[in-house]
Amino acid sequence: VQLQAYGGGLVQAGGSLRLSCAAPGITFSRYTMGWYRQAPGKQRDLVATISDRGSITYGDSVKGRFTISRDNAENTVYLQMNSLKPEDTAVYYCNAKDPWRRITWGQGTQVTVSS
């Protein structure tokens, strides 16, 4: 599994960004997809996950601001991030968990929110 995350960048506080993570060559609809983030000096934390059946989980700090979605026809998971805060600054990683619970991580994409 190769995951290709993109869409990060620099944005002012209150702005929006949309991250995408493509997973070509797999039976995407059978995977649980997730977004995590890691700020400098901190552990990697859950942002959001979406299961193969569409069940969604959000980390407490992003509830009401971020939206995860998936397009099984495009083998892509998205993270719409609104009302961004400086504390959202981190490297964002997507991952894929297959039906046997094996997890693959993609490369990160940097999100920087200026105050």
PDB file of N, CA and C in Angstrom:
ATOM      1  N   VAL A   1       0.855  -1.195   0.000  1.00  0.00           N
ATOM      2  CA  VAL A   1       0.000   0.000   0.000  1.00  0.00           C
ATOM      3  C   VAL A   1       0.882   1.232   0.000  1.00  0.00           C
ATOM      4  N   GLN A   2       0.623   2.125  -0.920  1.00  0.00           N
ATOM      5  CA  GLN A   2       1.318   3.415  -0.935  1.00  0.00           C
ATOM      6  C   GLN A   2       0.287   4.519  -0.782  1.00  0.00           C
ATOM      7  N   LEU A   3       0.518   5.373   0.183  1.00  0.00           N
ATOM      8  CA  LEU A   3      -0.388   6.474   0.454  1.00  0.00           C
ATOM      9  C   LEU A   3       0.275   7.786   0.081  1.00  0.00           C
ATOM     10  N   GLN A   4      -0.475   8.627  -0.608  1.00  0.00           N
ATOM     11  CA  GLN A   4       0.065   9.894  -1.105  1.00  0.00           C
ATOM     12  C   GLN A   4      -0.786  11.021  -0.559  1.00  0.00           C
ATOM     13  N   ALA A   5      -0.266  11.683   0.467  1.00  0.00           N
ATOM     14  CA  ALA A   5      -0.997  12.783   1.098  1.00  0.00           C
ATOM     15  C   ALA A   5      -0.527  14.107   0.537  1.00  0.00           C
ATOM     16  N   TYR A   6      -1.459  15.015   0.346  1.00  0.00           N
ATOM     17  CA  TYR A   6      -1.113  16.336  -0.161  1.00  0.00           C
ATOM     18  C   TYR A   6      -2.202  17.325   0.255  1.00  0.00           C
ATOM     19  N   GLY A   7      -1.880  18.597   0.072  1.00  0.00           N
ATOM     20  CA  GLY A   7      -2.837  19.648   0.392  1.00  0.00           C
ATOM     21  C   GLY A   7      -2.444  20.525   1.558  1.00  0.00           C
ATOM     22  N   GLY A   8      -1.338  20.219   2.215  1.00  0.00           N
ATOM     23  CA  GLY A   8      -0.908  21.053   3.320  1.00  0.00           C
ATOM     24  C   GLY A   8      -0.398  22.392   2.836  1.00  0.00           C
ATOM     25  N   GLY A   9      -0.105  23.262   3.794  1.00  0.00           N
ATOM     26  CA  GLY A   9       0.404  24.570   3.450  1.00  0.00           C
ATOM     27  C   GLY A   9       0.336  25.525   4.616  1.00  0.00           C
ATOM     28  N   LEU A  10       0.494  26.788   4.283  1.00  0.00           N
ATOM     29  CA  LEU A  10       0.464  27.862   5.281  1.00  0.00           C
ATOM     30  C   LEU A  10      -0.863  28.604   5.145  1.00  0.00           C
ATOM     31  N   VAL A  11      -1.540  28.784   6.264  1.00  0.00           N
ATOM     32  CA  VAL A  11      -2.832  29.469   6.253  1.00  0.00           C
ATOM     33  C   VAL A  11      -2.954  30.310   7.512  1.00  0.00           C
ATOM     34  N   GLN A  12      -3.705  31.387   7.429  1.00  0.00           N
ATOM     35  CA  GLN A  12      -3.924  32.224   8.605  1.00  0.00           C
ATOM     36  C   GLN A  12      -4.986  31.600   9.508  1.00  0.00           C
ATOM     37  N   ALA A  13      -4.904  31.937  10.767  1.00  0.00           N
ATOM     38  CA  ALA A  13      -5.900  31.464  11.725  1.00  0.00           C
ATOM     39  C   ALA A  13      -7.299  31.845  11.240  1.00  0.00           C
ATOM     40  N   GLY A  14      -8.222  30.897  11.381  1.00  0.00           N
ATOM     41  CA  GLY A  14      -9.574  31.097  10.895  1.00  0.00           C
ATOM     42  C   GLY A  14      -9.797  30.615   9.481  1.00  0.00           C
ATOM     43  N   GLY A  15      -8.718  30.290   8.803  1.00  0.00           N
ATOM     44  CA  GLY A  15      -8.816  29.831   7.422  1.00  0.00           C
ATOM     45  C   GLY A  15      -9.105  28.350   7.306  1.00  0.00           C
ATOM     46  N   SER A  16      -9.074  27.879   6.073  1.00  0.00           N
ATOM     47  CA  SER A  16      -9.412  26.486   5.781  1.00  0.00           C
ATOM     48  C   SER A  16      -8.364  25.855   4.872  1.00  0.00           C
ATOM     49  N   LEU A  17      -8.255  24.556   4.997  1.00  0.00           N
ATOM     50  CA  LEU A  17      -7.435  23.755   4.099  1.00  0.00           C
ATOM     51  C   LEU A  17      -8.139  22.428   3.897  1.00  0.00           C
ATOM     52  N   ARG A  18      -7.855  21.815   2.764  1.00  0.00           N
ATOM     53  CA  ARG A  18      -8.379  20.481   2.493  1.00  0.00           C
ATOM     54  C   ARG A  18      -7.222  19.560   2.164  1.00  0.00           C
ATOM     55  N   LEU A  19      -7.066  18.532   2.972  1.00  0.00           N
ATOM     56  CA  LEU A  19      -6.049  17.526   2.726  1.00  0.00           C
ATOM     57  C   LEU A  19      -6.658  16.355   1.972  1.00  0.00           C
ATOM     58  N   SER A  20      -5.834  15.742   1.145  1.00  0.00           N
ATOM     59  CA  SER A  20      -6.246  14.551   0.406  1.00  0.00           C
ATOM     60  C   SER A  20      -5.204  13.471   0.588  1.00  0.00           C
ATOM     61  N   CYS A  21      -5.651  12.255   0.559  1.00  0.00           N
ATOM     62  CA  CYS A  21      -4.734  11.115   0.655  1.00  0.00           C
ATOM     63  C   CYS A  21      -5.224  10.051  -0.313  1.00  0.00           C
ATOM     64  N   ALA A  22      -4.425   9.793  -1.324  1.00  0.00           N
ATOM     65  CA  ALA A  22      -4.777   8.807  -2.329  1.00  0.00           C
ATOM     66  C   ALA A  22      -4.110   7.475  -2.015  1.00  0.00           C
ATOM     67  N   ALA A  23      -4.823   6.408  -2.291  1.00  0.00           N
ATOM     68  CA  ALA A  23      -4.321   5.057  -2.028  1.00  0.00           C
ATOM     69  C   ALA A  23      -4.567   4.194  -3.255  1.00  0.00           C
ATOM     70  N   PRO A  24      -3.771   4.373  -4.268  1.00  0.00           N
ATOM     71  CA  PRO A  24      -3.990   3.629  -5.502  1.00  0.00           C
ATOM     72  C   PRO A  24      -3.647   2.154  -5.361  1.00  0.00           C
ATOM     73  N   GLY A  25      -4.341   1.336  -6.144  1.00  0.00           N
ATOM     74  CA  GLY A  25      -3.959  -0.056  -6.245  1.00  0.00           C
ATOM     75  C   GLY A  25      -4.423  -0.973  -5.147  1.00  0.00           C
ATOM     76  N   ILE A  26      -5.349  -0.511  -4.311  1.00  0.00           N
ATOM     77  CA  ILE A  26      -5.865  -1.365  -3.248  1.00  0.00           C
ATOM     78  C   ILE A  26      -7.390  -1.412  -3.337  1.00  0.00           C
ATOM     79  N   THR A  27      -7.972  -2.377  -2.651  1.00  0.00           N
ATOM     80  CA  THR A  27      -9.438  -2.422  -2.553  1.00  0.00           C
ATOM     81  C   THR A  27      -9.843  -1.441  -1.469  1.00  0.00           C
ATOM     82  N   PHE A  28      -9.841  -0.199  -1.843  1.00  0.00           N
ATOM     83  CA  PHE A  28      -9.943   0.924  -0.902  1.00  0.00           C
ATOM     84  C   PHE A  28     -11.172   0.814  -0.014  1.00  0.00           C
ATOM     85  N   SER A  29     -12.272   0.349  -0.575  1.00  0.00           N
ATOM     86  CA  SER A  29     -13.538   0.325   0.164  1.00  0.00           C
ATOM     87  C   SER A  29     -13.481  -0.582   1.385  1.00  0.00           C
ATOM     88  N   ARG A  30     -12.504  -1.449   1.465  1.00  0.00           N
ATOM     89  CA  ARG A  30     -12.396  -2.377   2.584  1.00  0.00           C
ATOM     90  C   ARG A  30     -11.510  -1.848   3.705  1.00  0.00           C
ATOM     91  N   TYR A  31     -10.926  -0.675   3.499  1.00  0.00           N
ATOM     92  CA  TYR A  31      -9.980  -0.129   4.454  1.00  0.00           C
ATOM     93  C   TYR A  31     -10.611   0.933   5.351  1.00  0.00           C
ATOM     94  N   THR A  32     -10.169   0.949   6.593  1.00  0.00           N
ATOM     95  CA  THR A  32     -10.419   2.098   7.458  1.00  0.00           C
ATOM     96  C   THR A  32      -9.298   3.098   7.226  1.00  0.00           C
ATOM     97  N   MET A  33      -9.685   4.330   6.970  1.00  0.00           N
ATOM     98  CA  MET A  33      -8.703   5.373   6.686  1.00  0.00           C
ATOM     99  C   MET A  33      -8.663   6.370   7.837  1.00  0.00           C
ATOM    100  N   GLY A  34      -7.487   6.911   8.069  1.00  0.00           N
ATOM    101  CA  GLY A  34      -7.371   7.831   9.188  1.00  0.00           C
ATOM    102  C   GLY A  34      -6.410   8.969   8.920  1.00  0.00           C
ATOM    103  N   TRP A  35      -6.612  10.032   9.645  1.00  0.00           N
ATOM    104  CA  TRP A  35      -5.689  11.168   9.674  1.00  0.00           C
ATOM    105  C   TRP A  35      -5.192  11.340  11.104  1.00  0.00           C
ATOM    106  N   TYR A  36      -3.904  11.532  11.234  1.00  0.00           N
ATOM    107  CA  TYR A  36      -3.255  11.802  12.506  1.00  0.00           C
ATOM    108  C   TYR A  36      -2.347  12.998  12.315  1.00  0.00           C
ATOM    109  N   ARG A  37      -1.925  13.587  13.409  1.00  0.00           N
ATOM    110  CA  ARG A  37      -1.013  14.722  13.298  1.00  0.00           C
ATOM    111  C   ARG A  37       0.006  14.681  14.409  1.00  0.00           C
ATOM    112  N   GLN A  38       1.146  15.288  14.126  1.00  0.00           N
ATOM    113  CA  GLN A  38       2.234  15.327  15.100  1.00  0.00           C
ATOM    114  C   GLN A  38       2.887  16.689  15.066  1.00  0.00           C
ATOM    115  N   ALA A  39       2.798  17.381  16.178  1.00  0.00           N
ATOM    116  CA  ALA A  39       3.469  18.672  16.327  1.00  0.00           C
ATOM    117  C   ALA A  39       4.870  18.433  16.867  1.00  0.00           C
ATOM    118  N   PRO A  40       5.771  19.375  16.659  1.00  0.00           N
ATOM    119  CA  PRO A  40       7.151  19.200  17.137  1.00  0.00           C
ATOM    120  C   PRO A  40       7.198  18.912  18.633  1.00  0.00           C
ATOM    121  N   GLY A  41       7.905  17.871  19.001  1.00  0.00           N
ATOM    122  CA  GLY A  41       8.068  17.528  20.401  1.00  0.00           C
ATOM    123  C   GLY A  41       6.874  16.852  21.042  1.00  0.00           C
ATOM    124  N   LYS A  42       5.868  16.531  20.245  1.00  0.00           N
ATOM    125  CA  LYS A  42       4.669  15.919  20.797  1.00  0.00           C
ATOM    126  C   LYS A  42       4.418  14.568  20.139  1.00  0.00           C
ATOM    127  N   GLN A  43       3.535  13.796  20.755  1.00  0.00           N
ATOM    128  CA  GLN A  43       3.195  12.494  20.193  1.00  0.00           C
ATOM    129  C   GLN A  43       2.241  12.666  19.021  1.00  0.00           C
ATOM    130  N   ARG A  44       2.121  11.603  18.252  1.00  0.00           N
ATOM    131  CA  ARG A  44       1.196  11.611  17.140  1.00  0.00           C
ATOM    132  C   ARG A  44      -0.222  11.362  17.665  1.00  0.00           C
ATOM    133  N   ASP A  45      -1.122  12.232  17.314  1.00  0.00           N
ATOM    134  CA  ASP A  45      -2.483  12.178  17.855  1.00  0.00           C
ATOM    135  C   ASP A  45      -3.517  11.926  16.759  1.00  0.00           C
ATOM    136  N   LEU A  46      -4.599  11.328  17.173  1.00  0.00           N
ATOM    137  CA  LEU A  46      -5.720  11.095  16.270  1.00  0.00           C
ATOM    138  C   LEU A  46      -6.360  12.415  15.857  1.00  0.00           C
ATOM    139  N   VAL A  47      -6.615  12.540  14.559  1.00  0.00           N
ATOM    140  CA  VAL A  47      -7.440  13.647  14.077  1.00  0.00           C
ATOM    141  C   VAL A  47      -8.826  13.108  13.728  1.00  0.00           C
ATOM    142  N   ALA A  48      -8.872  12.106  12.845  1.00  0.00           N
ATOM    143  CA  ALA A  48     -10.159  11.537  12.447  1.00  0.00           C
ATOM    144  C   ALA A  48      -9.938  10.208  11.751  1.00  0.00           C
ATOM    145  N   THR A  49     -10.910   9.335  11.875  1.00  0.00           N
ATOM    146  CA  THR A  49     -10.909   8.087  11.114  1.00  0.00           C
ATOM    147  C   THR A  49     -12.275   7.874  10.492  1.00  0.00           C
ATOM    148  N   ILE A  50     -12.284   7.123   9.400  1.00  0.00           N
ATOM    149  CA  ILE A  50     -13.536   6.744   8.752  1.00  0.00           C
ATOM    150  C   ILE A  50     -13.407   5.289   8.347  1.00  0.00           C
ATOM    151  N   SER A  51     -14.339   4.488   8.810  1.00  0.00           N
ATOM    152  CA  SER A  51     -14.261   3.053   8.569  1.00  0.00           C
ATOM    153  C   SER A  51     -14.757   2.704   7.166  1.00  0.00           C
ATOM    154  N   ASP A  52     -14.610   1.422   6.845  1.00  0.00           N
ATOM    155  CA  ASP A  52     -15.100   0.950   5.554  1.00  0.00           C
ATOM    156  C   ASP A  52     -16.609   1.108   5.442  1.00  0.00           C
ATOM    157  N   ARG A  53     -17.300   1.146   6.568  1.00  0.00           N
ATOM    158  CA  ARG A  53     -18.747   1.311   6.554  1.00  0.00           C
ATOM    159  C   ARG A  53     -19.181   2.761   6.738  1.00  0.00           C
ATOM    160  N   GLY A  54     -18.194   3.646   6.847  1.00  0.00           N
ATOM    161  CA  GLY A  54     -18.519   5.056   6.967  1.00  0.00           C
ATOM    162  C   GLY A  54     -18.638   5.572   8.382  1.00  0.00           C
ATOM    163  N   SER A  55     -18.317   4.744   9.365  1.00  0.00           N
ATOM    164  CA  SER A  55     -18.334   5.225  10.745  1.00  0.00           C
ATOM    165  C   SER A  55     -17.163   6.168  10.968  1.00  0.00           C
ATOM    166  N   ILE A  56     -17.426   7.261  11.644  1.00  0.00           N
ATOM    167  CA  ILE A  56     -16.430   8.336  11.784  1.00  0.00           C
ATOM    168  C   ILE A  56     -16.130   8.597  13.252  1.00  0.00           C
ATOM    169  N   THR A  57     -14.853   8.833  13.512  1.00  0.00           N
ATOM    170  CA  THR A  57     -14.384   9.228  14.840  1.00  0.00           C
ATOM    171  C   THR A  57     -13.510  10.459  14.697  1.00  0.00           C
ATOM    172  N   TYR A  58     -13.677  11.420  15.598  1.00  0.00           N
ATOM    173  CA  TYR A  58     -12.852  12.628  15.596  1.00  0.00           C
ATOM    174  C   TYR A  58     -12.123  12.772  16.922  1.00  0.00           C
ATOM    175  N   GLY A  59     -10.930  13.338  16.851  1.00  0.00           N
ATOM    176  CA  GLY A  59     -10.265  13.737  18.065  1.00  0.00           C
ATOM    177  C   GLY A  59     -10.998  14.915  18.688  1.00  0.00           C
ATOM    178  N   ASP A  60     -10.937  15.015  19.999  1.00  0.00           N
ATOM    179  CA  ASP A  60     -11.725  16.036  20.693  1.00  0.00           C
ATOM    180  C   ASP A  60     -11.386  17.457  20.227  1.00  0.00           C
ATOM    181  N   SER A  61     -10.136  17.691  19.908  1.00  0.00           N
ATOM    182  CA  SER A  61      -9.708  19.055  19.595  1.00  0.00           C
ATOM    183  C   SER A  61     -10.177  19.536  18.228  1.00  0.00           C
ATOM    184  N   VAL A  62     -10.682  18.640  17.388  1.00  0.00           N
ATOM    185  CA  VAL A  62     -11.078  19.050  16.037  1.00  0.00           C
ATOM    186  C   VAL A  62     -12.573  18.897  15.788  1.00  0.00           C
ATOM    187  N   LYS A  63     -13.282  18.361  16.745  1.00  0.00           N
ATOM    188  CA  LYS A  63     -14.723  18.164  16.565  1.00  0.00           C
ATOM    189  C   LYS A  63     -15.415  19.486  16.257  1.00  0.00           C
ATOM    190  N   GLY A  64     -16.264  19.452  15.250  1.00  0.00           N
ATOM    191  CA  GLY A  64     -17.004  20.638  14.857  1.00  0.00           C
ATOM    192  C   GLY A  64     -16.259  21.541  13.891  1.00  0.00           C
ATOM    193  N   ARG A  65     -14.986  21.264  13.673  1.00  0.00           N
ATOM    194  CA  ARG A  65     -14.202  22.093  12.751  1.00  0.00           C
ATOM    195  C   ARG A  65     -13.680  21.306  11.551  1.00  0.00           C
ATOM    196  N   PHE A  66     -13.359  20.058  11.771  1.00  0.00           N
ATOM    197  CA  PHE A  66     -12.794  19.224  10.710  1.00  0.00           C
ATOM    198  C   PHE A  66     -13.831  18.196  10.266  1.00  0.00           C
ATOM    199  N   THR A  67     -13.754  17.823   8.994  1.00  0.00           N
ATOM    200  CA  THR A  67     -14.647  16.809   8.449  1.00  0.00           C
ATOM    201  C   THR A  67     -13.849  15.822   7.613  1.00  0.00           C
ATOM    202  N   ILE A  68     -13.966  14.558   7.948  1.00  0.00           N
ATOM    203  CA  ILE A  68     -13.326  13.516   7.159  1.00  0.00           C
ATOM    204  C   ILE A  68     -14.371  12.917   6.216  1.00  0.00           C
ATOM    205  N   SER A  69     -13.931  12.577   5.017  1.00  0.00           N
ATOM    206  CA  SER A  69     -14.811  11.927   4.055  1.00  0.00           C
ATOM    207  C   SER A  69     -13.972  11.043   3.152  1.00  0.00           C
ATOM    208  N   ARG A  70     -14.654  10.189   2.421  1.00  0.00           N
ATOM    209  CA  ARG A  70     -13.931   9.298   1.532  1.00  0.00           C
ATOM    210  C   ARG A  70     -14.684   9.164   0.215  1.00  0.00           C
ATOM    211  N   ASP A  71     -13.920   8.925  -0.825  1.00  0.00           N
ATOM    212  CA  ASP A  71     -14.474   8.663  -2.150  1.00  0.00           C
ATOM    213  C   ASP A  71     -13.898   7.324  -2.602  1.00  0.00           C
ATOM    214  N   ASN A  72     -14.695   6.292  -2.460  1.00  0.00           N
ATOM    215  CA  ASN A  72     -14.197   4.958  -2.779  1.00  0.00           C
ATOM    216  C   ASN A  72     -13.912   4.784  -4.279  1.00  0.00           C
ATOM    217  N   ALA A  73     -14.609   5.533  -5.102  1.00  0.00           N
ATOM    218  CA  ALA A  73     -14.358   5.440  -6.542  1.00  0.00           C
ATOM    219  C   ALA A  73     -12.998   6.031  -6.918  1.00  0.00           C
ATOM    220  N   GLU A  74     -12.544   6.991  -6.115  1.00  0.00           N
ATOM    221  CA  GLU A  74     -11.263   7.643  -6.379  1.00  0.00           C
ATOM    222  C   GLU A  74     -10.150   7.145  -5.468  1.00  0.00           C
ATOM    223  N   ASN A  75     -10.475   6.182  -4.593  1.00  0.00           N
ATOM    224  CA  ASN A  75      -9.467   5.672  -3.640  1.00  0.00           C
ATOM    225  C   ASN A  75      -8.823   6.806  -2.852  1.00  0.00           C
ATOM    226  N   THR A  76      -9.637   7.722  -2.388  1.00  0.00           N
ATOM    227  CA  THR A  76      -9.101   8.906  -1.733  1.00  0.00           C
ATOM    228  C   THR A  76      -9.900   9.230  -0.471  1.00  0.00           C
ATOM    229  N   VAL A  77      -9.172   9.634   0.547  1.00  0.00           N
ATOM    230  CA  VAL A  77      -9.793  10.142   1.771  1.00  0.00           C
ATOM    231  C   VAL A  77      -9.429  11.615   1.896  1.00  0.00           C
ATOM    232  N   TYR A  78     -10.367  12.388   2.396  1.00  0.00           N
ATOM    233  CA  TYR A  78     -10.188  13.831   2.503  1.00  0.00           C
ATOM    234  C   TYR A  78     -10.308  14.274   3.968  1.00  0.00           C
ATOM    235  N   LEU A  79      -9.684  15.393   4.247  1.00  0.00           N
ATOM    236  CA  LEU A  79      -9.865  16.040   5.542  1.00  0.00           C
ATOM    237  C   LEU A  79     -10.082  17.523   5.280  1.00  0.00           C
ATOM    238  N   GLN A  80     -11.312  17.964   5.462  1.00  0.00           N
ATOM    239  CA  GLN A  80     -11.633  19.381   5.342  1.00  0.00           C
ATOM    240  C   GLN A  80     -11.423  20.027   6.699  1.00  0.00           C
ATOM    241  N   MET A  81     -10.560  21.007   6.743  1.00  0.00           N
ATOM    242  CA  MET A  81     -10.212  21.659   7.994  1.00  0.00           C
ATOM    243  C   MET A  81     -10.659  23.110   7.938  1.00  0.00           C
ATOM    244  N   ASN A  82     -11.589  23.471   8.798  1.00  0.00           N
ATOM    245  CA  ASN A  82     -12.107  24.841   8.865  1.00  0.00           C
ATOM    246  C   ASN A  82     -11.768  25.459  10.214  1.00  0.00           C
ATOM    247  N   SER A  83     -11.888  26.758  10.277  1.00  0.00           N
ATOM    248  CA  SER A  83     -11.624  27.486  11.531  1.00  0.00           C
ATOM    249  C   SER A  83     -10.296  27.069  12.136  1.00  0.00           C
ATOM    250  N   LEU A  84      -9.287  27.056  11.323  1.00  0.00           N
ATOM    251  CA  LEU A  84      -7.983  26.592  11.778  1.00  0.00           C
ATOM    252  C   LEU A  84      -7.393  27.505  12.843  1.00  0.00           C
ATOM    253  N   LYS A  85      -6.680  26.884  13.772  1.00  0.00           N
ATOM    254  CA  LYS A  85      -6.050  27.579  14.883  1.00  0.00           C
ATOM    255  C   LYS A  85      -4.544  27.339  14.828  1.00  0.00           C
ATOM    256  N   PRO A  86      -3.759  28.223  15.423  1.00  0.00           N
ATOM    257  CA  PRO A  86      -2.309  27.989  15.457  1.00  0.00           C
ATOM    258  C   PRO A  86      -1.954  26.627  16.065  1.00  0.00           C
ATOM    259  N   GLU A  87      -2.734  26.171  17.019  1.00  0.00           N
ATOM    260  CA  GLU A  87      -2.437  24.877  17.640  1.00  0.00           C
ATOM    261  C   GLU A  87      -2.734  23.689  16.728  1.00  0.00           C
ATOM    262  N   ASP A  88      -3.302  23.942  15.562  1.00  0.00           N
ATOM    263  CA  ASP A  88      -3.476  22.880  14.566  1.00  0.00           C
ATOM    264  C   ASP A  88      -2.211  22.658  13.749  1.00  0.00           C
ATOM    265  N   THR A  89      -1.224  23.510  13.951  1.00  0.00           N
ATOM    266  CA  THR A  89       0.042  23.368  13.231  1.00  0.00           C
ATOM    267  C   THR A  89       0.701  22.044  13.567  1.00  0.00           C
ATOM    268  N   ALA A  90       0.987  21.269  12.540  1.00  0.00           N
ATOM    269  CA  ALA A  90       1.574  19.937  12.724  1.00  0.00           C
ATOM    270  C   ALA A  90       1.845  19.327  11.359  1.00  0.00           C
ATOM    271  N   VAL A  91       2.537  18.206  11.391  1.00  0.00           N
ATOM    272  CA  VAL A  91       2.608  17.360  10.208  1.00  0.00           C
ATOM    273  C   VAL A  91       1.424  16.408  10.266  1.00  0.00           C
ATOM    274  N   TYR A  92       0.666  16.358   9.197  1.00  0.00           N
ATOM    275  CA  TYR A  92      -0.526  15.517   9.132  1.00  0.00           C
ATOM    276  C   TYR A  92      -0.217  14.269   8.318  1.00  0.00           C
ATOM    277  N   TYR A  93      -0.570  13.130   8.894  1.00  0.00           N
ATOM    278  CA  TYR A  93      -0.311  11.844   8.261  1.00  0.00           C
ATOM    279  C   TYR A  93      -1.629  11.121   8.014  1.00  0.00           C
ATOM    280  N   CYS A  94      -1.720  10.453   6.876  1.00  0.00           N
ATOM    281  CA  CYS A  94      -2.850   9.562   6.693  1.00  0.00           C
ATOM    282  C   CYS A  94      -2.379   8.131   6.896  1.00  0.00           C
ATOM    283  N   ASN A  95      -3.303   7.284   7.279  1.00  0.00           N
ATOM    284  CA  ASN A  95      -2.984   5.863   7.356  1.00  0.00           C
ATOM    285  C   ASN A  95      -4.147   5.025   6.856  1.00  0.00           C
ATOM    286  N   ALA A  96      -3.828   3.792   6.568  1.00  0.00           N
ATOM    287  CA  ALA A  96      -4.819   2.851   6.057  1.00  0.00           C
ATOM    288  C   ALA A  96      -4.713   1.564   6.864  1.00  0.00           C
ATOM    289  N   LYS A  97      -5.862   1.092   7.343  1.00  0.00           N
ATOM    290  CA  LYS A  97      -5.903  -0.158   8.087  1.00  0.00           C
ATOM    291  C   LYS A  97      -6.739  -1.164   7.303  1.00  0.00           C
ATOM    292  N   ASP A  98      -6.096  -2.310   6.983  1.00  0.00           N
ATOM    293  CA  ASP A  98      -6.810  -3.284   6.162  1.00  0.00           C
ATOM    294  C   ASP A  98      -7.707  -4.172   7.022  1.00  0.00           C
ATOM    295  N   PRO A  99      -8.475  -5.071   6.401  1.00  0.00           N
ATOM    296  CA  PRO A  99      -9.386  -5.920   7.188  1.00  0.00           C
ATOM    297  C   PRO A  99      -8.684  -6.798   8.217  1.00  0.00           C
ATOM    298  N   TRP A 100      -7.377  -6.994   8.062  1.00  0.00           N
ATOM    299  CA  TRP A 100      -6.610  -7.789   9.027  1.00  0.00           C
ATOM    300  C   TRP A 100      -5.888  -6.894  10.027  1.00  0.00           C
ATOM    301  N   ARG A 101      -6.277  -5.629  10.053  1.00  0.00           N
ATOM    302  CA  ARG A 101      -5.765  -4.641  11.015  1.00  0.00           C
ATOM    303  C   ARG A 101      -4.300  -4.273  10.781  1.00  0.00           C
ATOM    304  N   ARG A 102      -3.793  -4.542   9.618  1.00  0.00           N
ATOM    305  CA  ARG A 102      -2.433  -4.096   9.299  1.00  0.00           C
ATOM    306  C   ARG A 102      -2.514  -2.638   8.876  1.00  0.00           C
ATOM    307  N   ILE A 103      -1.586  -1.840   9.395  1.00  0.00           N
ATOM    308  CA  ILE A 103      -1.634  -0.395   9.190  1.00  0.00           C
ATOM    309  C   ILE A 103      -0.457   0.065   8.349  1.00  0.00           C
ATOM    310  N   THR A 104      -0.740   0.906   7.401  1.00  0.00           N
ATOM    311  CA  THR A 104       0.277   1.553   6.576  1.00  0.00           C
ATOM    312  C   THR A 104       0.159   3.056   6.745  1.00  0.00           C
ATOM    313  N   TRP A 105       1.297   3.693   6.920  1.00  0.00           N
ATOM    314  CA  TRP A 105       1.345   5.144   7.055  1.00  0.00           C
ATOM    315  C   TRP A 105       1.839   5.773   5.761  1.00  0.00           C
ATOM    316  N   GLY A 106       1.265   6.914   5.452  1.00  0.00           N
ATOM    317  CA  GLY A 106       1.761   7.701   4.342  1.00  0.00           C
ATOM    318  C   GLY A 106       2.787   8.713   4.820  1.00  0.00           C
ATOM    319  N   GLN A 107       3.366   9.408   3.860  1.00  0.00           N
ATOM    320  CA  GLN A 107       4.278  10.482   4.233  1.00  0.00           C
ATOM    321  C   GLN A 107       3.448  11.645   4.743  1.00  0.00           C
ATOM    322  N   GLY A 108       4.000  12.472   5.544  1.00  0.00           N
ATOM    323  CA  GLY A 108       3.245  13.568   6.130  1.00  0.00           C
ATOM    324  C   GLY A 108       3.175  14.770   5.210  1.00  0.00           C
ATOM    325  N   THR A 109       2.221  15.625   5.519  1.00  0.00           N
ATOM    326  CA  THR A 109       2.115  16.910   4.845  1.00  0.00           C
ATOM    327  C   THR A 109       2.010  17.993   5.911  1.00  0.00           C
ATOM    328  N   GLN A 110       2.821  19.028   5.754  1.00  0.00           N
ATOM    329  CA  GLN A 110       2.909  20.059   6.782  1.00  0.00           C
ATOM    330  C   GLN A 110       1.737  21.033   6.677  1.00  0.00           C
ATOM    331  N   VAL A 111       1.122  21.282   7.814  1.00  0.00           N
ATOM    332  CA  VAL A 111       0.102  22.325   7.934  1.00  0.00           C
ATOM    333  C   VAL A 111       0.602  23.337   8.954  1.00  0.00           C
ATOM    334  N   THR A 112       0.674  24.585   8.539  1.00  0.00           N
ATOM    335  CA  THR A 112       1.113  25.660   9.427  1.00  0.00           C
ATOM    336  C   THR A 112       0.039  26.730   9.470  1.00  0.00           C
ATOM    337  N   VAL A 113      -0.408  27.038  10.677  1.00  0.00           N
ATOM    338  CA  VAL A 113      -1.447  28.051  10.868  1.00  0.00           C
ATOM    339  C   VAL A 113      -0.825  29.231  11.597  1.00  0.00           C
ATOM    340  N   SER A 114      -0.829  30.365  10.959  1.00  0.00           N
ATOM    341  CA  SER A 114      -0.239  31.565  11.561  1.00  0.00           C
ATOM    342  C   SER A 114      -1.297  32.353  12.321  1.00  0.00           C
ATOM    343  N   SER A 115      -0.848  33.006  13.379  1.00  0.00           N
ATOM    344  CA  SER A 115      -1.792  33.771  14.214  1.00  0.00           C
ATOM    345  C   SER A 115      -1.934  35.202  13.722  1.00  0.00           C
TER     346      SER A 115
END
